[in-house]
Amino acid sequence: MPRYFFDIDNREHYVDEEGTELAGTDDARVQAVIFAGDYLRENPGLVRDGGRLDIAVRDHLGTILLNVAVTTSVPADRTP
């Protein structure tokens, strides 16, 4: 099974050195979305005030296959 790595960028960059074996890219995408939800559940303040959470999924060669990004914003016509 291929190994996928899930790097986190939330104002600091954390590189996944271990990776996870998954059946394919579709499974890696699903796991990235689940991971983002779990991570934000534990760290909800990360996306406050225009913050952003990025999860880059890369293969064993270091190629980024996809990116999951979570951001918050306030519409221009609304005051926070």
Protein backbone atom coordinates (compact mmCIF):
# COMPACT_ATOMS: atom_id res chain seq x y z
CA MET A 1 0.00 0.00 0.00
CA PRO A 2 1.21 3.52 -0.72
CA ARG A 3 2.22 5.79 2.14
CA TYR A 4 0.80 9.32 2.39
CA PHE A 5 2.07 12.18 4.52
CA PHE A 6 -0.14 14.88 6.03
CA ASP A 7 1.74 18.14 6.63
CA ILE A 8 0.07 20.84 8.71
CA ASP A 9 0.43 24.59 8.23
CA ASN A 10 -1.36 26.77 10.78
CA ARG A 11 1.02 29.72 11.06
CA GLU A 12 3.67 27.11 11.89
CA HIS A 13 4.64 24.20 9.67
CA TYR A 14 4.61 20.61 10.91
CA VAL A 15 6.02 17.93 8.64
CA ASP A 16 4.61 14.42 8.92
CA GLU A 17 7.70 12.22 8.99
CA GLU A 18 5.84 8.95 9.63
CA GLY A 19 3.01 8.92 7.10
CA THR A 20 0.05 6.58 6.85
CA GLU A 21 -0.49 3.64 4.53
CA LEU A 22 -3.72 3.99 2.57
CA ALA A 23 -5.26 2.27 -0.45
CA GLY A 24 -5.03 5.31 -2.71
CA THR A 25 -5.38 9.04 -3.27
CA ASP A 26 -9.14 9.02 -2.70
CA ASP A 27 -8.62 7.50 0.75
CA ALA A 28 -5.89 10.07 1.46
CA ARG A 29 -8.30 12.90 0.56
CA VAL A 30 -10.96 11.54 2.90
CA GLN A 31 -8.42 11.10 5.71
CA ALA A 32 -7.15 14.67 5.21
CA VAL A 33 -10.68 16.06 5.61
CA ILE A 34 -11.31 13.92 8.69
CA PHE A 35 -7.95 14.93 10.12
CA ALA A 36 -8.69 18.64 9.54
CA GLY A 37 -11.99 18.30 11.40
CA ASP A 38 -10.38 16.46 14.30
CA TYR A 39 -7.51 18.95 14.48
CA LEU A 40 -9.89 21.91 14.54
CA ARG A 41 -12.05 20.25 17.19
CA GLU A 42 -8.96 20.20 19.42
CA ASN A 43 -7.71 23.66 18.30
CA PRO A 44 -10.80 25.72 17.35
CA GLY A 45 -9.05 29.07 17.73
CA LEU A 46 -6.79 28.41 14.75
CA VAL A 47 -9.29 29.70 12.23
CA ARG A 48 -10.47 32.69 14.23
CA ASP A 49 -10.09 36.20 12.80
CA GLY A 50 -9.22 35.13 9.28
CA GLY A 51 -6.94 32.30 10.32
CA ARG A 52 -6.28 29.36 8.08
CA LEU A 53 -5.47 25.69 8.46
CA ASP A 54 -3.83 23.88 5.55
CA ILE A 55 -3.23 20.15 5.30
CA ALA A 56 -0.98 19.17 2.41
CA VAL A 57 -1.09 15.53 1.39
CA ARG A 58 2.08 14.27 -0.26
CA ASP A 59 3.32 10.95 -1.53
CA HIS A 60 6.54 9.13 -0.65
CA LEU A 61 8.42 11.16 -3.29
CA GLY A 62 7.37 14.44 -1.67
CA THR A 63 4.92 15.40 -4.42
CA ILE A 64 1.94 17.31 -3.03
CA LEU A 65 -1.14 15.52 -4.29
CA LEU A 66 -3.80 17.73 -2.74
CA ASN A 67 -4.38 20.40 -0.16
CA VAL A 68 -7.25 20.79 2.29
CA ALA A 69 -7.70 24.38 3.46
CA VAL A 70 -10.05 25.70 6.14
CA THR A 71 -10.50 29.46 6.51
CA THR A 72 -12.93 31.83 8.12
CA SER A 73 -13.91 35.29 6.99
CA VAL A 74 -16.44 37.93 7.82
CA PRO A 75 -18.38 39.39 4.87
CA ALA A 76 -17.40 42.98 4.10
CA ASP A 77 -20.90 44.24 4.90
CA ARG A 78 -20.90 42.69 8.39
CA THR A 79 -19.06 43.82 11.46
CA PRO A 80 -17.60 41.13 13.70
